[in-house]
N, C-alpha and C. Protein backbone atom coordinates (compact mmCIF):
# COMPACT_ATOMS: atom_id res chain seq x y z
N UNK A 1 113.38 117.54 142.23
CA UNK A 1 114.36 116.56 141.82
C UNK A 1 114.79 116.80 140.38
N UNK A 2 113.87 117.27 139.56
CA UNK A 2 114.24 117.57 138.19
C UNK A 2 115.34 118.61 138.12
N UNK A 3 115.29 119.58 139.01
CA UNK A 3 116.32 120.62 139.02
C UNK A 3 117.65 120.06 139.53
N UNK A 4 117.60 119.13 140.45
CA UNK A 4 118.84 118.50 140.92
C UNK A 4 119.48 117.72 139.76
N UNK A 5 118.67 116.99 139.00
CA UNK A 5 119.17 116.28 137.82
C UNK A 5 119.77 117.27 136.81
N UNK A 6 119.04 118.34 136.52
CA UNK A 6 119.51 119.33 135.55
C UNK A 6 120.82 119.97 136.02
N UNK A 7 120.93 120.25 137.30
CA UNK A 7 122.16 120.85 137.84
C UNK A 7 123.32 119.85 137.74
N UNK A 8 123.05 118.60 138.03
CA UNK A 8 124.08 117.55 137.98
C UNK A 8 124.69 117.45 136.57
N UNK A 9 123.86 117.67 135.55
CA UNK A 9 124.31 117.56 134.17
C UNK A 9 124.69 118.90 133.54
N UNK A 10 124.64 119.98 134.34
CA UNK A 10 125.02 121.29 133.82
C UNK A 10 123.96 121.95 132.96
N UNK A 11 122.76 121.43 132.96
CA UNK A 11 121.70 121.99 132.11
C UNK A 11 121.17 123.32 132.64
N UNK A 12 121.35 123.60 133.92
CA UNK A 12 120.85 124.86 134.48
C UNK A 12 121.68 126.05 134.05
N UNK A 13 122.84 125.81 133.46
CA UNK A 13 123.69 126.90 132.98
C UNK A 13 123.03 127.60 131.79
N UNK A 14 122.20 126.88 131.03
CA UNK A 14 121.49 127.49 129.92
C UNK A 14 120.42 128.43 130.45
N UNK A 15 120.12 129.48 129.69
CA UNK A 15 119.11 130.43 130.15
C UNK A 15 117.70 129.91 129.92
N UNK A 16 117.55 128.87 129.11
CA UNK A 16 116.22 128.33 128.86
C UNK A 16 115.94 127.13 129.78
N UNK A 17 114.68 126.80 129.88
CA UNK A 17 114.25 125.65 130.67
C UNK A 17 114.86 124.39 130.05
N UNK A 18 115.54 123.53 130.82
CA UNK A 18 116.20 122.36 130.23
C UNK A 18 115.22 121.29 129.74
N UNK A 19 114.01 121.29 130.24
CA UNK A 19 113.00 120.32 129.82
C UNK A 19 111.64 120.89 130.19
N UNK A 20 110.63 120.39 129.54
CA UNK A 20 109.26 120.84 129.81
C UNK A 20 108.60 119.87 130.78
N UNK A 21 108.35 120.29 132.03
CA UNK A 21 107.70 119.38 132.97
C UNK A 21 106.25 119.12 132.58
N UNK A 22 105.80 117.91 132.76
CA UNK A 22 104.42 117.52 132.53
C UNK A 22 103.85 117.12 133.88
N UNK A 23 102.84 117.82 134.35
CA UNK A 23 102.24 117.52 135.65
C UNK A 23 101.16 116.46 135.45
N UNK A 24 101.34 115.32 136.10
CA UNK A 24 100.39 114.21 135.96
C UNK A 24 99.70 113.85 137.27
N UNK A 25 100.16 114.40 138.36
CA UNK A 25 99.50 114.34 139.66
C UNK A 25 99.59 113.04 140.44
N UNK A 26 99.49 111.89 139.84
CA UNK A 26 99.51 110.65 140.62
C UNK A 26 100.60 109.71 140.12
N UNK A 27 101.03 108.84 140.99
CA UNK A 27 102.05 107.86 140.62
C UNK A 27 101.53 106.93 139.52
N UNK A 28 100.27 106.56 139.59
CA UNK A 28 99.66 105.71 138.57
C UNK A 28 99.72 106.40 137.20
N UNK A 29 99.39 107.68 137.15
CA UNK A 29 99.43 108.43 135.88
C UNK A 29 100.86 108.61 135.38
N UNK A 30 101.82 108.75 136.29
CA UNK A 30 103.23 108.84 135.87
C UNK A 30 103.67 107.54 135.19
N UNK A 31 103.33 106.41 135.80
CA UNK A 31 103.71 105.13 135.22
C UNK A 31 103.06 104.94 133.85
N UNK A 32 101.79 105.29 133.74
CA UNK A 32 101.10 105.15 132.46
C UNK A 32 101.72 106.08 131.40
N UNK A 33 102.06 107.29 131.77
CA UNK A 33 102.62 108.26 130.81
C UNK A 33 103.98 107.82 130.29
N UNK A 34 104.83 107.31 131.16
CA UNK A 34 106.15 106.89 130.70
C UNK A 34 106.04 105.63 129.85
N UNK A 35 105.08 104.78 130.13
CA UNK A 35 104.90 103.56 129.33
C UNK A 35 104.23 103.83 127.99
N UNK A 36 103.49 104.93 127.87
CA UNK A 36 102.83 105.29 126.61
C UNK A 36 103.66 106.29 125.81
N UNK A 37 104.80 106.73 126.36
CA UNK A 37 105.68 107.74 125.75
C UNK A 37 105.11 109.15 125.81
N UNK A 38 104.06 109.37 126.60
CA UNK A 38 103.58 110.74 126.84
C UNK A 38 104.64 111.52 127.61
N UNK A 39 105.37 110.83 128.47
CA UNK A 39 106.48 111.42 129.22
C UNK A 39 107.73 110.59 128.97
N UNK A 40 108.88 111.25 128.95
CA UNK A 40 110.13 110.54 128.70
C UNK A 40 110.64 109.80 129.93
N UNK A 41 110.43 110.39 131.10
CA UNK A 41 110.86 109.78 132.35
C UNK A 41 110.12 110.44 133.49
N UNK A 42 110.19 109.84 134.67
CA UNK A 42 109.70 110.48 135.88
C UNK A 42 110.63 110.12 137.02
N UNK A 43 110.53 110.90 138.07
CA UNK A 43 111.35 110.67 139.25
C UNK A 43 110.42 110.41 140.43
N UNK A 44 110.73 109.36 141.16
CA UNK A 44 109.91 109.01 142.31
C UNK A 44 110.80 108.33 143.32
N UNK A 45 110.36 108.26 144.52
CA UNK A 45 111.13 107.67 145.62
C UNK A 45 111.43 106.19 145.33
N UNK A 46 112.62 105.76 145.70
CA UNK A 46 113.13 104.42 145.38
C UNK A 46 112.18 103.30 145.80
N UNK A 47 111.82 103.24 147.07
CA UNK A 47 111.05 102.10 147.54
C UNK A 47 109.59 102.16 147.08
N UNK A 48 109.05 103.35 146.87
CA UNK A 48 107.68 103.46 146.37
C UNK A 48 107.59 102.92 144.95
N UNK A 49 108.64 103.13 144.16
CA UNK A 49 108.62 102.66 142.77
C UNK A 49 109.19 101.25 142.60
N UNK A 50 109.85 100.72 143.63
CA UNK A 50 110.55 99.44 143.52
C UNK A 50 109.66 98.29 143.07
N UNK A 51 108.48 98.20 143.62
CA UNK A 51 107.55 97.13 143.26
C UNK A 51 107.31 97.11 141.75
N UNK A 52 107.26 98.28 141.14
CA UNK A 52 106.92 98.40 139.73
C UNK A 52 108.10 98.13 138.81
N UNK A 53 109.32 98.40 139.26
CA UNK A 53 110.44 97.97 138.42
C UNK A 53 110.80 96.52 138.71
N UNK A 54 110.50 96.04 139.91
CA UNK A 54 110.70 94.60 140.17
C UNK A 54 109.77 93.75 139.30
N UNK A 55 108.52 94.21 139.08
CA UNK A 55 107.58 93.41 138.28
C UNK A 55 107.65 93.74 136.79
N UNK A 56 108.55 94.64 136.38
CA UNK A 56 108.76 94.94 134.97
C UNK A 56 107.85 95.99 134.37
N UNK A 57 106.97 96.58 135.18
CA UNK A 57 106.07 97.61 134.63
C UNK A 57 106.83 98.86 134.20
N UNK A 58 107.86 99.22 134.94
CA UNK A 58 108.69 100.37 134.60
C UNK A 58 110.15 99.95 134.63
N UNK A 59 111.00 100.76 134.01
CA UNK A 59 112.43 100.50 134.03
C UNK A 59 113.11 101.54 134.91
N UNK A 60 114.02 101.09 135.71
CA UNK A 60 114.80 101.97 136.57
C UNK A 60 116.10 102.27 135.84
N UNK A 61 116.38 103.56 135.64
CA UNK A 61 117.59 103.91 134.90
C UNK A 61 118.65 104.57 135.77
N UNK A 62 118.34 104.85 137.02
CA UNK A 62 119.33 105.44 137.90
C UNK A 62 118.71 106.02 139.15
N UNK A 63 119.56 106.59 139.98
CA UNK A 63 119.11 107.23 141.22
C UNK A 63 119.85 108.54 141.39
N UNK A 64 119.14 109.49 141.97
CA UNK A 64 119.72 110.79 142.30
C UNK A 64 119.34 111.08 143.75
N UNK A 65 120.31 111.45 144.52
CA UNK A 65 120.04 111.76 145.92
C UNK A 65 119.94 113.28 146.08
N UNK A 66 118.92 113.71 146.79
CA UNK A 66 118.73 115.14 147.01
C UNK A 66 119.75 115.66 148.01
N UNK A 67 120.10 116.93 147.89
CA UNK A 67 121.01 117.53 148.87
C UNK A 67 120.27 117.97 150.13
N UNK A 68 119.03 117.57 150.27
CA UNK A 68 118.24 117.92 151.45
C UNK A 68 117.42 116.70 151.86
N UNK A 69 116.88 116.75 153.04
CA UNK A 69 116.07 115.64 153.52
C UNK A 69 114.69 115.66 152.86
N UNK A 70 113.97 114.58 153.00
CA UNK A 70 112.69 114.43 152.31
C UNK A 70 111.57 115.28 152.87
N UNK A 71 111.52 115.45 154.14
CA UNK A 71 110.37 116.10 154.77
C UNK A 71 110.77 117.38 155.46
N UNK A 72 110.01 118.42 155.22
CA UNK A 72 110.21 119.70 155.91
C UNK A 72 108.83 120.24 156.29
N UNK A 73 108.77 120.89 157.40
CA UNK A 73 107.56 121.57 157.84
C UNK A 73 107.85 123.06 157.71
N UNK A 74 107.00 123.73 156.98
CA UNK A 74 107.21 125.15 156.71
C UNK A 74 106.02 125.92 157.27
N UNK A 75 106.32 127.00 157.96
CA UNK A 75 105.27 127.84 158.52
C UNK A 75 105.53 129.29 158.13
N UNK A 76 104.48 129.99 157.81
CA UNK A 76 104.61 131.41 157.49
C UNK A 76 105.14 132.18 158.69
N UNK A 77 104.64 131.83 159.87
CA UNK A 77 105.04 132.51 161.09
C UNK A 77 105.47 131.45 162.11
N UNK A 78 106.79 131.24 162.25
CA UNK A 78 107.24 130.17 163.16
C UNK A 78 106.89 130.38 164.62
N UNK A 79 106.46 131.58 164.99
CA UNK A 79 106.07 131.82 166.38
C UNK A 79 104.56 131.65 166.59
N UNK A 80 103.84 131.26 165.56
CA UNK A 80 102.40 131.01 165.66
C UNK A 80 102.16 129.99 166.77
N UNK A 81 101.22 130.28 167.65
CA UNK A 81 100.97 129.41 168.81
C UNK A 81 100.49 128.01 168.42
N UNK A 82 100.04 127.82 167.20
CA UNK A 82 99.59 126.50 166.76
C UNK A 82 100.75 125.58 166.37
N UNK A 83 101.94 126.15 166.18
CA UNK A 83 103.08 125.36 165.72
C UNK A 83 103.58 124.39 166.79
N UNK A 84 103.69 124.82 168.02
CA UNK A 84 104.24 123.96 169.08
C UNK A 84 103.41 122.70 169.31
N UNK A 85 102.08 122.80 169.42
CA UNK A 85 101.31 121.54 169.58
C UNK A 85 101.48 120.60 168.38
N UNK A 86 101.57 121.16 167.18
CA UNK A 86 101.81 120.35 165.99
C UNK A 86 103.17 119.65 166.09
N UNK A 87 104.20 120.42 166.43
CA UNK A 87 105.55 119.86 166.59
C UNK A 87 105.58 118.79 167.67
N UNK A 88 104.90 119.04 168.79
CA UNK A 88 104.85 118.06 169.88
C UNK A 88 104.19 116.75 169.41
N UNK A 89 103.11 116.86 168.65
CA UNK A 89 102.41 115.67 168.15
C UNK A 89 103.28 114.90 167.17
N UNK A 90 103.97 115.60 166.30
CA UNK A 90 104.86 114.92 165.34
C UNK A 90 106.01 114.25 166.07
N UNK A 91 106.60 114.94 167.04
CA UNK A 91 107.69 114.34 167.83
C UNK A 91 107.21 113.08 168.54
N UNK A 92 106.00 113.10 169.08
CA UNK A 92 105.42 111.93 169.75
C UNK A 92 105.24 110.79 168.74
N UNK A 93 104.76 111.10 167.56
CA UNK A 93 104.59 110.09 166.52
C UNK A 93 105.91 109.48 166.10
N UNK A 94 106.94 110.31 165.97
CA UNK A 94 108.27 109.82 165.60
C UNK A 94 108.80 108.87 166.68
N UNK A 95 108.64 109.25 167.95
CA UNK A 95 109.09 108.36 169.05
C UNK A 95 108.38 107.01 168.96
N UNK A 96 107.06 107.05 168.76
CA UNK A 96 106.29 105.80 168.65
C UNK A 96 106.79 104.97 167.47
N UNK A 97 106.98 105.61 166.33
CA UNK A 97 107.47 104.93 165.14
C UNK A 97 108.82 104.27 165.40
N UNK A 98 109.74 105.02 165.98
CA UNK A 98 111.08 104.49 166.25
C UNK A 98 111.09 103.36 167.26
N UNK A 99 110.18 103.41 168.22
CA UNK A 99 110.13 102.40 169.28
C UNK A 99 109.32 101.16 168.90
N UNK A 100 108.63 101.20 167.78
CA UNK A 100 107.75 100.11 167.38
C UNK A 100 107.97 99.74 165.91
N UNK A 101 109.19 99.31 165.62
CA UNK A 101 109.58 99.05 164.23
C UNK A 101 108.76 97.95 163.56
N UNK A 102 108.43 96.90 164.27
CA UNK A 102 107.63 95.83 163.64
C UNK A 102 106.22 96.30 163.33
N UNK A 103 105.67 97.14 164.19
CA UNK A 103 104.37 97.74 163.91
C UNK A 103 104.47 98.63 162.66
N UNK A 104 105.59 99.34 162.54
CA UNK A 104 105.81 100.18 161.36
C UNK A 104 105.90 99.32 160.10
N UNK A 105 106.62 98.20 160.16
CA UNK A 105 106.73 97.30 159.01
C UNK A 105 105.35 96.79 158.62
N UNK A 106 104.57 96.40 159.61
CA UNK A 106 103.21 95.90 159.34
C UNK A 106 102.37 96.97 158.63
N UNK A 107 102.42 98.19 159.14
CA UNK A 107 101.65 99.27 158.52
C UNK A 107 102.14 99.56 157.10
N UNK A 108 103.44 99.72 156.94
CA UNK A 108 104.02 100.05 155.63
C UNK A 108 103.72 98.97 154.60
N UNK A 109 103.83 97.71 155.02
CA UNK A 109 103.64 96.62 154.06
C UNK A 109 102.18 96.35 153.74
N UNK A 110 101.26 96.79 154.57
CA UNK A 110 99.84 96.57 154.27
C UNK A 110 99.14 97.82 153.74
N UNK A 111 99.59 98.99 154.15
CA UNK A 111 98.91 100.22 153.75
C UNK A 111 99.63 101.01 152.65
N UNK A 112 100.92 100.80 152.48
CA UNK A 112 101.69 101.61 151.54
C UNK A 112 102.22 100.83 150.35
N UNK A 113 101.76 99.60 150.18
CA UNK A 113 102.08 98.84 148.98
C UNK A 113 103.55 98.43 148.87
N UNK A 114 104.24 98.31 150.00
CA UNK A 114 105.61 97.79 150.04
C UNK A 114 105.53 96.34 150.50
N UNK A 115 106.49 95.54 150.11
CA UNK A 115 106.61 94.23 150.71
C UNK A 115 107.21 94.43 152.12
N UNK A 116 107.07 93.45 152.99
CA UNK A 116 107.65 93.56 154.33
C UNK A 116 109.17 93.68 154.22
N UNK A 117 109.77 92.93 153.28
CA UNK A 117 111.22 93.00 153.08
C UNK A 117 111.65 94.42 152.65
N UNK A 118 110.91 95.02 151.73
CA UNK A 118 111.23 96.38 151.29
C UNK A 118 110.98 97.39 152.41
N UNK A 119 109.95 97.17 153.21
CA UNK A 119 109.68 98.07 154.34
C UNK A 119 110.86 98.04 155.32
N UNK A 120 111.38 96.87 155.62
CA UNK A 120 112.53 96.76 156.52
C UNK A 120 113.78 97.42 155.91
N UNK A 121 113.98 97.24 154.60
CA UNK A 121 115.12 97.87 153.93
C UNK A 121 114.97 99.39 153.95
N UNK A 122 113.76 99.88 153.71
CA UNK A 122 113.51 101.32 153.76
C UNK A 122 113.79 101.87 155.15
N UNK A 123 113.34 101.14 156.18
CA UNK A 123 113.56 101.61 157.55
C UNK A 123 115.03 101.77 157.89
N UNK A 124 115.89 100.98 157.26
CA UNK A 124 117.34 101.12 157.50
C UNK A 124 117.88 102.43 156.95
N UNK A 125 117.17 103.04 156.02
CA UNK A 125 117.64 104.29 155.39
C UNK A 125 117.03 105.54 156.00
N UNK A 126 116.06 105.37 156.88
CA UNK A 126 115.28 106.51 157.38
C UNK A 126 115.75 106.94 158.76
N UNK A 127 115.97 108.22 158.91
CA UNK A 127 116.29 108.79 160.21
C UNK A 127 115.43 110.03 160.42
N UNK A 128 114.67 110.02 161.49
CA UNK A 128 113.85 111.18 161.84
C UNK A 128 114.52 111.93 162.98
N UNK A 129 114.39 113.24 163.01
CA UNK A 129 114.98 113.99 164.13
C UNK A 129 114.21 113.73 165.42
N UNK A 130 114.89 113.90 166.53
CA UNK A 130 114.21 113.78 167.82
C UNK A 130 113.26 114.95 168.05
N UNK A 131 113.57 116.09 167.44
CA UNK A 131 112.75 117.29 167.57
C UNK A 131 112.64 117.94 166.21
N UNK A 132 111.42 118.12 165.72
CA UNK A 132 111.21 118.64 164.37
C UNK A 132 111.25 120.17 164.30
N UNK A 133 111.42 120.83 165.42
CA UNK A 133 111.49 122.29 165.38
C UNK A 133 112.91 122.73 165.03
N UNK A 134 113.02 123.91 164.47
CA UNK A 134 114.33 124.45 164.14
C UNK A 134 114.67 124.29 162.67
N UNK A 135 115.72 124.97 162.27
CA UNK A 135 116.14 125.00 160.87
C UNK A 135 117.63 124.74 160.79
N UNK A 136 118.04 123.90 159.85
CA UNK A 136 119.46 123.68 159.58
C UNK A 136 119.85 124.61 158.44
N UNK A 137 120.57 125.69 158.72
CA UNK A 137 120.90 126.68 157.68
C UNK A 137 121.66 126.09 156.49
N UNK A 138 122.47 125.06 156.71
CA UNK A 138 123.21 124.46 155.60
C UNK A 138 122.27 123.79 154.60
N UNK A 139 121.26 123.09 155.10
CA UNK A 139 120.27 122.46 154.23
C UNK A 139 119.49 123.52 153.46
N UNK A 140 119.10 124.58 154.16
CA UNK A 140 118.37 125.66 153.49
C UNK A 140 119.23 126.29 152.41
N UNK A 141 120.51 126.51 152.68
CA UNK A 141 121.39 127.13 151.69
C UNK A 141 121.54 126.26 150.45
N UNK A 142 121.69 124.95 150.63
CA UNK A 142 121.77 124.04 149.47
C UNK A 142 120.50 124.11 148.63
N UNK A 143 119.36 124.15 149.30
CA UNK A 143 118.09 124.23 148.61
C UNK A 143 117.96 125.55 147.86
N UNK A 144 118.33 126.66 148.52
CA UNK A 144 118.29 127.98 147.88
C UNK A 144 119.18 127.99 146.66
N UNK A 145 120.38 127.43 146.76
CA UNK A 145 121.31 127.43 145.63
C UNK A 145 120.71 126.74 144.40
N UNK A 146 120.12 125.57 144.59
CA UNK A 146 119.52 124.84 143.47
C UNK A 146 118.34 125.63 142.89
N UNK A 147 117.49 126.14 143.76
CA UNK A 147 116.31 126.87 143.28
C UNK A 147 116.68 128.17 142.57
N UNK A 148 117.76 128.81 142.99
CA UNK A 148 118.24 130.00 142.29
C UNK A 148 118.80 129.63 140.92
N UNK A 149 119.60 128.58 140.85
CA UNK A 149 120.13 128.13 139.55
C UNK A 149 119.01 127.80 138.58
N UNK A 150 117.94 127.24 139.12
CA UNK A 150 116.81 126.83 138.29
C UNK A 150 115.90 128.00 137.94
N UNK A 151 116.13 129.17 138.55
CA UNK A 151 115.28 130.32 138.27
C UNK A 151 113.94 130.30 138.98
N UNK A 152 113.82 129.43 139.98
CA UNK A 152 112.57 129.32 140.72
C UNK A 152 112.46 130.47 141.72
N UNK A 153 113.58 130.86 142.32
CA UNK A 153 113.59 132.03 143.20
C UNK A 153 114.68 132.98 142.71
N UNK A 154 114.50 134.25 143.02
CA UNK A 154 115.43 135.28 142.55
C UNK A 154 116.80 135.12 143.20
N UNK A 155 117.83 135.53 142.47
CA UNK A 155 119.21 135.49 142.97
C UNK A 155 119.37 136.33 144.23
N UNK A 156 118.52 137.35 144.39
CA UNK A 156 118.66 138.25 145.55
C UNK A 156 118.10 137.65 146.83
N UNK A 157 117.34 136.57 146.72
CA UNK A 157 116.80 135.93 147.91
C UNK A 157 117.92 135.16 148.58
N UNK A 158 118.10 135.40 149.86
CA UNK A 158 119.15 134.71 150.61
C UNK A 158 118.58 133.80 151.66
N UNK A 159 119.47 133.15 152.35
CA UNK A 159 119.06 132.19 153.36
C UNK A 159 118.27 132.87 154.49
N UNK A 160 118.62 134.10 154.82
CA UNK A 160 117.90 134.78 155.90
C UNK A 160 116.43 134.94 155.56
N UNK A 161 116.14 135.28 154.31
CA UNK A 161 114.74 135.41 153.90
C UNK A 161 114.04 134.06 153.90
N UNK A 162 114.77 133.02 153.52
CA UNK A 162 114.16 131.69 153.44
C UNK A 162 113.84 131.12 154.82
N UNK A 163 114.62 131.47 155.84
CA UNK A 163 114.32 130.91 157.16
C UNK A 163 113.65 131.93 158.08
N UNK A 164 113.27 133.08 157.52
CA UNK A 164 112.46 134.03 158.26
C UNK A 164 113.24 134.96 159.17
N UNK A 165 114.53 135.14 158.94
CA UNK A 165 115.29 136.08 159.73
C UNK A 165 115.19 137.44 159.06
N UNK A 166 114.71 138.42 159.79
CA UNK A 166 114.55 139.75 159.21
C UNK A 166 115.87 140.48 159.19
N UNK A 167 116.09 141.28 158.13
CA UNK A 167 117.29 142.08 158.04
C UNK A 167 117.09 143.39 158.82
N UNK A 168 118.18 143.90 159.33
CA UNK A 168 118.14 145.21 159.98
C UNK A 168 117.49 145.18 161.34
N UNK A 169 117.35 146.38 161.94
CA UNK A 169 116.78 146.45 163.29
C UNK A 169 115.30 146.17 163.33
């Protein structure tokens, strides 16, 4: 997300790092760091942080939407025989989640520190695929573009390498 912010403001055009990331590992440590001025800001998911800006612990200064979805499953070898049972289990879980929204609200509001109202609002923004297998090349290309601008991956890396398509015969 930091790179998306930097790209939005044109900071990735500079050859130097636009800011020095500080790794703090937990949401609790991020909140403490920004409140003590150890960190200038942090980025976190809207509803996960909402409770803390609602109660005044942190200040919300804006939102940035990623050009990709939140969750991706990545495998070194997409033909690995262990991938299909994993995909089947995730697809089954998604079906259960979609068919049992009140159960989802109950779980989210008791286990994930959201209010029931925020859990319902979050659910209105969430869409899971019916099948988690496969790759959307457009999403991969957007991700590659940002990571190349940020210098995280080389300019020579293309979408085919990122989604495991081999070049040549």
